[in-house]
Amino acid sequence: MLEPSFLSKQQLAQTAQNQFDHAVQFLRHDLMRISGDAEEADRFLRDNHTSEPLADAYAARLIAAERWQDLLNFVDLVERDAPNQCTVMFPEEVVPYEWESIREAALEALGRGGELVAMYQERLDDTYDPNTELNRMKLQAWTQAKE
């Protein structure tokens, strides 16, 4: 959350406008879903994947439905079109690597150990990663699972 006292009037107005826009988008989505048009509501979320809360909502829907391959495809789409986009609806403890953590969950659910091994090795190669021990443990577990 941005501290309003640090923002200029223009920045504060832009922040308020963004919050209003997101609220209107969610209202539109909710009306589609309430009216029984779940497919159109999902398409709306997917089409607005560069909006952080809408992208998070669609990812949450895919996770709840256990549509893991669709989730991987969606993560690819988000990372392609908005490579620095953050998650806003998932706690940092759940997705410490933002969209990469969501990719990790899908890969785990699909049992794609080779891709997980590569992901954990890449994290270990990053000397600034605060979760080195956790990644080492996951790398070892998935390496052993492949054997």
C-alpha atoms as a PDB file:
ATOM      1  CA  MET A   1       0.000   0.000   0.000  1.00  0.00           C
ATOM      2  CA  LEU A   2       1.337   3.381  -0.952  1.00  0.00           C
ATOM      3  CA  GLU A   3       1.701   5.985   1.767  1.00  0.00           C
ATOM      4  CA  PRO A   4      -0.477   8.922   0.575  1.00  0.00           C
ATOM      5  CA  SER A   5       1.711  11.536   2.256  1.00  0.00           C
ATOM      6  CA  PHE A   6       4.611  10.598  -0.065  1.00  0.00           C
ATOM      7  CA  LEU A   7       2.592  11.039  -3.252  1.00  0.00           C
ATOM      8  CA  SER A   8       2.023  14.167  -5.295  1.00  0.00           C
ATOM      9  CA  LYS A   9      -1.573  15.169  -6.030  1.00  0.00           C
ATOM     10  CA  GLN A  10      -1.180  13.798  -9.550  1.00  0.00           C
ATOM     11  CA  GLN A  11       0.184  10.465  -8.293  1.00  0.00           C
ATOM     12  CA  LEU A  12      -2.562  10.248  -5.686  1.00  0.00           C
ATOM     13  CA  ALA A  13      -5.207  10.918  -8.348  1.00  0.00           C
ATOM     14  CA  GLN A  14      -3.662   8.271 -10.627  1.00  0.00           C
ATOM     15  CA  THR A  15      -3.598   5.726  -7.793  1.00  0.00           C
ATOM     16  CA  ALA A  16      -7.242   6.448  -6.989  1.00  0.00           C
ATOM     17  CA  GLN A  17      -8.144   6.123 -10.678  1.00  0.00           C
ATOM     18  CA  ASN A  18      -6.351   2.753 -10.904  1.00  0.00           C
ATOM     19  CA  GLN A  19      -8.177   1.459  -7.837  1.00  0.00           C
ATOM     20  CA  PHE A  20     -11.496   2.651  -9.248  1.00  0.00           C
ATOM     21  CA  ASP A  21     -10.751   1.006 -12.614  1.00  0.00           C
ATOM     22  CA  HIS A  22      -9.951  -2.294 -10.915  1.00  0.00           C
ATOM     23  CA  ALA A  23     -13.168  -2.117  -8.884  1.00  0.00           C
ATOM     24  CA  VAL A  24     -15.211  -1.504 -12.042  1.00  0.00           C
ATOM     25  CA  GLN A  25     -13.448  -4.367 -13.834  1.00  0.00           C
ATOM     26  CA  PHE A  26     -14.208  -6.740 -10.958  1.00  0.00           C
ATOM     27  CA  LEU A  27     -17.815  -5.583 -10.933  1.00  0.00           C
ATOM     28  CA  ARG A  28     -18.064  -6.324 -14.651  1.00  0.00           C
ATOM     29  CA  HIS A  29     -16.525  -9.752 -14.065  1.00  0.00           C
ATOM     30  CA  ASP A  30     -18.840 -10.491 -11.151  1.00  0.00           C
ATOM     31  CA  LEU A  31     -21.912  -9.517 -13.154  1.00  0.00           C
ATOM     32  CA  MET A  32     -20.891 -11.916 -15.930  1.00  0.00           C
ATOM     33  CA  ARG A  33     -20.362 -14.715 -13.446  1.00  0.00           C
ATOM     34  CA  ILE A  34     -23.605 -14.031 -11.560  1.00  0.00           C
ATOM     35  CA  SER A  35     -25.550 -14.013 -14.821  1.00  0.00           C
ATOM     36  CA  GLY A  36     -24.269 -17.523 -15.500  1.00  0.00           C
ATOM     37  CA  ASP A  37     -21.715 -16.656 -18.157  1.00  0.00           C
ATOM     38  CA  ALA A  38     -18.720 -18.240 -16.439  1.00  0.00           C
ATOM     39  CA  GLU A  39     -16.903 -18.815 -19.721  1.00  0.00           C
ATOM     40  CA  GLU A  40     -17.147 -15.137 -20.668  1.00  0.00           C
ATOM     41  CA  ALA A  41     -16.094 -14.131 -17.134  1.00  0.00           C
ATOM     42  CA  ASP A  42     -12.998 -16.326 -17.408  1.00  0.00           C
ATOM     43  CA  ARG A  43     -12.249 -14.918 -20.865  1.00  0.00           C
ATOM     44  CA  PHE A  44     -12.523 -11.405 -19.413  1.00  0.00           C
ATOM     45  CA  LEU A  45      -9.983 -12.257 -16.703  1.00  0.00           C
ATOM     46  CA  ARG A  46      -7.644 -13.925 -19.199  1.00  0.00           C
ATOM     47  CA  ASP A  47      -7.899 -11.053 -21.681  1.00  0.00           C
ATOM     48  CA  ASN A  48      -7.026  -8.566 -18.935  1.00  0.00           C
ATOM     49  CA  HIS A  49      -3.963 -10.476 -17.750  1.00  0.00           C
ATOM     50  CA  THR A  50      -1.832  -7.334 -17.580  1.00  0.00           C
ATOM     51  CA  SER A  51      -4.030  -6.066 -14.740  1.00  0.00           C
ATOM     52  CA  GLU A  52      -2.467  -7.516 -11.603  1.00  0.00           C
ATOM     53  CA  PRO A  53      -5.653  -8.267  -9.630  1.00  0.00           C
ATOM     54  CA  LEU A  54      -7.472  -9.724 -12.642  1.00  0.00           C
ATOM     55  CA  ALA A  55      -4.501 -11.922 -13.529  1.00  0.00           C
ATOM     56  CA  ASP A  56      -4.316 -13.132  -9.942  1.00  0.00           C
ATOM     57  CA  ALA A  57      -8.040 -13.891  -9.929  1.00  0.00           C
ATOM     58  CA  TYR A  58      -7.742 -15.981 -13.080  1.00  0.00           C
ATOM     59  CA  ALA A  59      -4.708 -17.835 -11.713  1.00  0.00           C
ATOM     60  CA  ALA A  60      -6.664 -18.583  -8.531  1.00  0.00           C
ATOM     61  CA  ARG A  61      -9.551 -19.952 -10.618  1.00  0.00           C
ATOM     62  CA  LEU A  62      -7.194 -22.217 -12.573  1.00  0.00           C
ATOM     63  CA  ILE A  63      -5.582 -23.440  -9.347  1.00  0.00           C
ATOM     64  CA  ALA A  64      -8.965 -24.168  -7.754  1.00  0.00           C
ATOM     65  CA  ALA A  65     -10.010 -26.123 -10.864  1.00  0.00           C
ATOM     66  CA  GLU A  66      -6.642 -27.931 -10.945  1.00  0.00           C
ATOM     67  CA  ARG A  67      -6.165 -26.879 -14.570  1.00  0.00           C
ATOM     68  CA  TRP A  68      -2.390 -27.063 -14.312  1.00  0.00           C
ATOM     69  CA  GLN A  69      -1.456 -26.951 -17.996  1.00  0.00           C
ATOM     70  CA  ASP A  70      -3.792 -23.998 -18.523  1.00  0.00           C
ATOM     71  CA  LEU A  71      -2.109 -22.344 -15.552  1.00  0.00           C
ATOM     72  CA  LEU A  72       1.348 -22.864 -17.103  1.00  0.00           C
ATOM     73  CA  ASN A  73       0.118 -21.381 -20.369  1.00  0.00           C
ATOM     74  CA  PHE A  74      -1.348 -18.415 -18.475  1.00  0.00           C
ATOM     75  CA  VAL A  75       1.895 -17.800 -16.568  1.00  0.00           C
ATOM     76  CA  ASP A  76       3.716 -17.787 -19.919  1.00  0.00           C
ATOM     77  CA  LEU A  77       1.240 -15.204 -21.213  1.00  0.00           C
ATOM     78  CA  VAL A  78       1.625 -12.946 -18.175  1.00  0.00           C
ATOM     79  CA  GLU A  79       5.414 -13.173 -18.205  1.00  0.00           C
ATOM     80  CA  ARG A  80       5.524 -12.500 -21.955  1.00  0.00           C
ATOM     81  CA  ASP A  81       3.264  -9.442 -21.904  1.00  0.00           C
ATOM     82  CA  ALA A  82       4.119  -8.019 -18.470  1.00  0.00           C
ATOM     83  CA  PRO A  83       7.467  -9.506 -17.376  1.00  0.00           C
ATOM     84  CA  ASN A  84       7.711  -7.374 -14.215  1.00  0.00           C
ATOM     85  CA  GLN A  85       4.109  -7.866 -13.129  1.00  0.00           C
ATOM     86  CA  CYS A  86       3.692  -8.720  -9.461  1.00  0.00           C
ATOM     87  CA  THR A  87       1.026 -10.761  -7.778  1.00  0.00           C
ATOM     88  CA  VAL A  88      -1.209  -8.802  -5.426  1.00  0.00           C
ATOM     89  CA  MET A  89      -3.745 -11.323  -4.132  1.00  0.00           C
ATOM     90  CA  PHE A  90      -1.363 -14.080  -3.021  1.00  0.00           C
ATOM     91  CA  PRO A  91       0.677 -13.686   0.182  1.00  0.00           C
ATOM     92  CA  GLU A  92       4.440 -13.416  -0.278  1.00  0.00           C
ATOM     93  CA  GLU A  93       4.873 -16.527   1.872  1.00  0.00           C
ATOM     94  CA  VAL A  94       2.883 -18.498  -0.712  1.00  0.00           C
ATOM     95  CA  VAL A  95       4.498 -17.017  -3.842  1.00  0.00           C
ATOM     96  CA  PRO A  96       7.955 -15.755  -2.839  1.00  0.00           C
ATOM     97  CA  TYR A  97       9.007 -15.754  -6.498  1.00  0.00           C
ATOM     98  CA  GLU A  98       5.760 -14.186  -7.748  1.00  0.00           C
ATOM     99  CA  TRP A  99       4.649 -15.769 -11.063  1.00  0.00           C
ATOM    100  CA  GLU A 100       7.558 -18.197 -11.018  1.00  0.00           C
ATOM    101  CA  SER A 101       6.152 -19.647  -7.771  1.00  0.00           C
ATOM    102  CA  ILE A 102       2.812 -20.162  -9.499  1.00  0.00           C
ATOM    103  CA  ARG A 103       4.647 -21.899 -12.361  1.00  0.00           C
ATOM    104  CA  GLU A 104       6.432 -24.047  -9.777  1.00  0.00           C
ATOM    105  CA  ALA A 105       3.130 -25.169  -8.243  1.00  0.00           C
ATOM    106  CA  ALA A 106       1.777 -26.180 -11.653  1.00  0.00           C
ATOM    107  CA  LEU A 107       4.970 -28.047 -12.551  1.00  0.00           C
ATOM    108  CA  GLU A 108       4.835 -29.895  -9.226  1.00  0.00           C
ATOM    109  CA  ALA A 109       1.187 -30.841  -9.777  1.00  0.00           C
ATOM    110  CA  LEU A 110       2.058 -32.138 -13.252  1.00  0.00           C
ATOM    111  CA  GLY A 111       5.098 -34.037 -11.939  1.00  0.00           C
ATOM    112  CA  ARG A 112       7.459 -32.309 -14.365  1.00  0.00           C
ATOM    113  CA  GLY A 113      10.591 -32.941 -12.375  1.00  0.00           C
ATOM    114  CA  GLY A 114      13.091 -32.038 -15.096  1.00  0.00           C
ATOM    115  CA  GLU A 115      11.744 -28.513 -15.375  1.00  0.00           C
ATOM    116  CA  LEU A 116      11.648 -28.179 -11.583  1.00  0.00           C
ATOM    117  CA  VAL A 117      15.258 -29.346 -11.296  1.00  0.00           C
ATOM    118  CA  ALA A 118      16.281 -26.690 -13.822  1.00  0.00           C
ATOM    119  CA  MET A 119      14.275 -24.039 -11.957  1.00  0.00           C
ATOM    120  CA  TYR A 120      15.821 -24.874  -8.588  1.00  0.00           C
ATOM    121  CA  GLN A 121      19.318 -25.031 -10.075  1.00  0.00           C
ATOM    122  CA  GLU A 122      18.812 -21.592 -11.606  1.00  0.00           C
ATOM    123  CA  ARG A 123      17.698 -20.259  -8.236  1.00  0.00           C
ATOM    124  CA  LEU A 124      20.767 -21.752  -6.576  1.00  0.00           C
ATOM    125  CA  ASP A 125      22.969 -20.166  -9.217  1.00  0.00           C
ATOM    126  CA  ASP A 126      21.487 -16.793  -8.211  1.00  0.00           C
ATOM    127  CA  THR A 127      23.733 -15.730  -5.347  1.00  0.00           C
ATOM    128  CA  TYR A 128      21.158 -13.201  -4.108  1.00  0.00           C
ATOM    129  CA  ASP A 129      18.415 -15.755  -3.464  1.00  0.00           C
ATOM    130  CA  PRO A 130      17.368 -15.703   0.221  1.00  0.00           C
ATOM    131  CA  ASN A 131      15.893 -19.226   0.054  1.00  0.00           C
ATOM    132  CA  THR A 132      19.059 -21.110  -0.868  1.00  0.00           C
ATOM    133  CA  GLU A 133      18.578 -23.985   1.565  1.00  0.00           C
ATOM    134  CA  LEU A 134      14.952 -24.514   0.601  1.00  0.00           C
ATOM    135  CA  ASN A 135      15.854 -24.588  -3.091  1.00  0.00           C
ATOM    136  CA  ARG A 136      18.752 -26.975  -2.446  1.00  0.00           C
ATOM    137  CA  MET A 137      16.368 -29.319  -0.622  1.00  0.00           C
ATOM    138  CA  LYS A 138      13.778 -29.159  -3.459  1.00  0.00           C
ATOM    139  CA  LEU A 139      16.476 -29.678  -6.102  1.00  0.00           C
ATOM    140  CA  GLN A 140      17.740 -32.752  -4.281  1.00  0.00           C
ATOM    141  CA  ALA A 141      14.231 -34.184  -3.847  1.00  0.00           C
ATOM    142  CA  TRP A 142      13.297 -33.784  -7.507  1.00  0.00           C
ATOM    143  CA  THR A 143      16.703 -35.006  -8.712  1.00  0.00           C
ATOM    144  CA  GLN A 144      16.237 -38.175  -6.656  1.00  0.00           C
ATOM    145  CA  ALA A 145      12.669 -38.555  -7.929  1.00  0.00           C
ATOM    146  CA  LYS A 146      13.981 -38.547 -11.519  1.00  0.00           C
ATOM    147  CA  GLU A 147      16.391 -41.397 -10.771  1.00  0.00           C
END
